[in-house]
Protein backbone atom coordinates (compact mmCIF):
# COMPACT_ATOMS: atom_id res chain seq x y z
CA MET A 1 -102.37 -46.88 -54.65
CA ALA A 2 -100.19 -49.00 -53.01
CA ALA A 3 -97.65 -49.59 -55.27
CA ALA A 4 -97.78 -45.26 -56.12
CA ALA A 5 -97.16 -44.52 -52.48
CA THR A 6 -93.97 -46.83 -52.33
CA ALA A 7 -92.89 -45.46 -56.32
CA ARG A 8 -93.11 -42.41 -54.40
CA THR A 9 -90.79 -42.59 -51.44
CA ALA A 10 -88.47 -44.83 -52.30
CA PRO A 11 -85.71 -43.61 -54.71
CA ALA A 12 -85.62 -45.44 -58.35
CA ARG A 13 -82.73 -47.45 -58.86
CA GLY A 14 -81.74 -46.72 -62.10
CA ALA A 15 -77.81 -45.81 -62.80
CA PRO A 16 -75.78 -44.55 -60.70
CA PRO A 17 -75.01 -40.46 -60.93
CA ARG A 18 -72.23 -39.82 -62.97
CA ARG A 19 -69.43 -38.61 -61.84
CA LYS A 20 -66.86 -37.02 -63.44
CA PRO A 21 -63.28 -38.79 -64.00
CA VAL A 22 -60.04 -37.94 -61.84
CA PRO A 23 -57.73 -37.14 -64.32
CA ALA A 24 -54.92 -39.71 -64.43
CA ARG A 25 -51.51 -37.66 -62.73
CA PRO A 26 -48.95 -37.51 -65.28
CA ALA A 27 -46.30 -39.66 -64.95
CA PRO A 28 -43.01 -37.73 -63.89
CA ALA A 29 -40.76 -35.91 -66.47
CA ARG A 30 -37.57 -38.03 -67.18
CA ARG A 31 -34.46 -35.66 -67.04
CA ARG A 32 -32.33 -36.37 -69.60
CA PRO A 33 -29.31 -36.77 -69.21
CA PRO A 34 -26.39 -33.70 -69.68
CA ALA A 35 -25.34 -33.28 -72.98
CA ARG A 36 -21.81 -34.27 -72.96
CA ARG A 37 -19.28 -32.10 -73.84
CA ALA A 38 -16.66 -33.56 -77.04
CA GLY A 39 -13.29 -34.15 -74.72
CA GLY A 40 -14.86 -33.37 -71.63
CA GLN A 41 -15.65 -36.88 -69.29
CA LEU A 42 -16.68 -37.21 -66.33
CA ILE A 43 -15.48 -39.29 -63.63
CA PRO A 44 -18.39 -41.66 -62.93
CA ILE A 45 -17.64 -41.77 -59.09
CA ALA A 46 -18.34 -37.86 -59.39
CA ALA A 47 -21.28 -38.60 -61.77
CA GLY A 48 -23.16 -40.59 -59.08
CA ALA A 49 -22.36 -38.21 -56.16
CA ALA A 50 -23.68 -34.89 -58.68
CA THR A 51 -26.54 -37.51 -58.93
CA ALA A 52 -27.26 -38.32 -54.87
CA VAL A 53 -26.55 -34.30 -54.59
CA ARG A 54 -29.08 -33.33 -56.79
CA GLN A 55 -31.97 -36.08 -56.10
CA LEU A 56 -30.73 -35.06 -51.90
CA PRO A 57 -33.74 -32.50 -51.35
CA ASP A 58 -36.63 -34.29 -52.60
CA SER A 59 -35.64 -37.42 -50.42
CA SER A 60 -38.04 -38.08 -47.72
CA LEU A 61 -34.77 -38.12 -45.58
CA MET A 62 -34.76 -34.10 -45.51
CA VAL A 63 -38.73 -34.05 -45.73
CA ARG A 64 -39.13 -34.69 -42.97
CA MET A 65 -36.00 -33.72 -41.17
CA THR A 66 -36.43 -30.35 -42.30
CA ARG A 67 -40.33 -30.38 -40.89
CA GLY A 68 -39.14 -31.26 -37.85
CA ARG A 69 -37.39 -30.13 -34.92
CA ALA A 70 -34.40 -32.39 -35.64
CA TRP A 71 -33.51 -29.43 -38.16
CA ILE A 72 -32.70 -27.24 -35.35
CA GLY A 73 -30.55 -29.45 -34.08
CA VAL A 74 -28.79 -30.70 -37.34
CA LEU A 75 -28.52 -26.76 -37.86
CA GLY A 76 -26.61 -26.06 -34.52
CA VAL A 77 -24.20 -28.75 -35.67
CA LEU A 78 -23.39 -27.28 -38.58
CA LEU A 79 -22.82 -24.32 -37.12
CA VAL A 80 -20.32 -25.17 -34.07
CA GLY A 81 -18.54 -27.07 -37.59
CA ILE A 82 -18.19 -23.83 -38.77
CA VAL A 83 -16.93 -22.20 -35.71
CA ALA A 84 -14.87 -25.02 -35.32
CA ILE A 85 -12.78 -24.53 -38.56
CA ASN A 86 -12.72 -21.00 -38.55
CA VAL A 87 -10.96 -20.85 -34.56
CA ALA A 88 -8.64 -23.95 -36.29
CA THR A 89 -8.09 -22.10 -39.32
CA LEU A 90 -6.81 -18.52 -37.31
CA SER A 91 -4.40 -20.95 -34.81
CA PHE A 92 -2.81 -22.06 -38.48
CA SER A 93 -2.46 -18.47 -39.45
CA ALA A 94 -0.42 -17.32 -36.26
CA ASN A 95 1.29 -20.44 -35.82
CA ALA A 96 2.80 -19.48 -39.03
CA GLY A 97 2.94 -15.85 -38.34
CA ARG A 98 5.05 -16.96 -35.68
CA ILE A 99 7.33 -19.11 -37.62
CA ASP A 100 7.84 -16.43 -40.28
CA GLN A 101 9.03 -14.36 -36.84
CA ASN A 102 11.42 -17.16 -35.96
CA ILE A 103 12.49 -17.60 -39.73
CA ALA A 104 13.00 -13.44 -39.85
CA ALA A 105 14.79 -13.79 -36.99
CA LEU A 106 17.56 -16.47 -37.21
CA GLU A 107 18.37 -15.62 -41.09
CA SER A 108 19.28 -12.23 -39.41
CA GLU A 109 21.36 -13.88 -36.52
CA ASN A 110 23.06 -16.24 -39.34
CA SER A 111 24.03 -12.87 -41.14
CA ILE A 112 25.55 -11.25 -38.77
CA LEU A 113 27.31 -15.08 -37.86
CA ARG A 114 28.45 -14.86 -41.08
CA SER A 115 29.59 -11.60 -40.78
CA ARG A 116 31.57 -11.77 -37.86
CA ASP A 117 33.02 -15.57 -39.49
CA ALA A 118 34.25 -13.56 -42.44
CA GLN A 119 36.31 -10.62 -40.15
CA ARG A 120 38.12 -13.98 -38.19
CA SER A 121 39.15 -16.18 -41.37
CA GLY A 122 39.68 -13.66 -43.95
CA SER A 123 43.04 -12.75 -45.65
CA ALA A 124 43.71 -9.78 -43.62
CA ARG A 125 43.59 -10.61 -40.19
CA VAL A 126 45.13 -14.49 -40.62
CA ARG A 127 48.62 -12.43 -41.91
CA HIS A 128 48.18 -10.84 -39.55
CA ASP A 129 48.19 -13.18 -36.87
CA ALA A 130 50.86 -15.42 -38.84
CA GLY A 131 53.07 -12.23 -38.78
CA GLU A 132 52.36 -11.77 -34.88
CA LEU A 133 54.03 -15.52 -35.36
CA GLY A 134 56.92 -15.24 -37.39
CA LEU A 135 55.02 -16.27 -40.47
CA ALA A 136 55.96 -15.25 -43.65
CA VAL A 137 53.68 -15.38 -47.03
CA ALA A 138 55.29 -17.53 -49.48
CA THR A 139 55.39 -16.11 -52.76
CA THR A 140 54.39 -18.42 -55.94
CA ASP A 141 57.69 -19.38 -56.81
CA GLN A 142 58.85 -20.30 -53.59
CA ILE A 143 56.14 -23.41 -52.85
CA GLU A 144 57.28 -26.49 -53.80
CA TYR A 145 55.40 -29.74 -53.49
CA LEU A 146 56.53 -32.51 -51.03
CA ARG A 147 56.97 -36.27 -52.52
CA ALA A 148 55.80 -38.79 -49.94
CA THR A 149 58.51 -42.01 -49.47
CA ARG A 150 58.01 -44.69 -47.27
CA ASN A 151 59.98 -43.67 -44.37
CA ASP A 152 57.41 -40.66 -43.77
CA ALA A 153 55.11 -42.51 -41.54
CA ALA A 154 57.73 -43.90 -39.48
CA VAL A 155 59.56 -40.65 -39.26
CA ALA A 156 56.20 -39.14 -38.11
CA ALA A 157 55.64 -41.82 -35.13
CA GLN A 158 58.75 -40.87 -34.08
CA ARG A 159 58.42 -37.41 -34.01
CA LEU A 160 54.91 -37.38 -32.37
CA ALA A 161 56.57 -39.96 -29.66
CA ALA A 162 59.19 -37.51 -28.98
CA ALA A 163 56.83 -34.66 -28.35
CA GLY A 164 55.09 -36.49 -26.30
CA SER A 165 51.41 -36.38 -27.68
CA GLY A 166 50.73 -39.86 -27.04
CA TYR A 167 49.86 -41.45 -30.45
């Protein structure tokens, strides 16, 4: 009787109850490298950079950063950088506009100065000034070429000394 009472109160020691087996996780699928096109080879550095950028969103650093408070600081720094780049671009554009205005002003001033120079050194002005000095325009049959001699330097020196030019 005692054996029957203990049999009723004690659980049976048979095989443990069977649980459903946990299915094994499938191995992550490996990505195939992209098919290469004929004639187009990627530079190894660019390929490595592309792989790193592709894996960046899944990295543990990005996951931890985007779930924490540091993400707000990172976004703030990025926004400040974008604003700084825009300000620098606008500054360069303003400087380029000022430089273009200066170039246009200088070009118009150059054209005015060229026209003044043409008026002052034109052949009509030279003939007029030469006529006032008593000079006449030589005709083509009056033009003669001089030949230098050995005495010309000495004669020129005497004439300069006599004129008191100090040379």
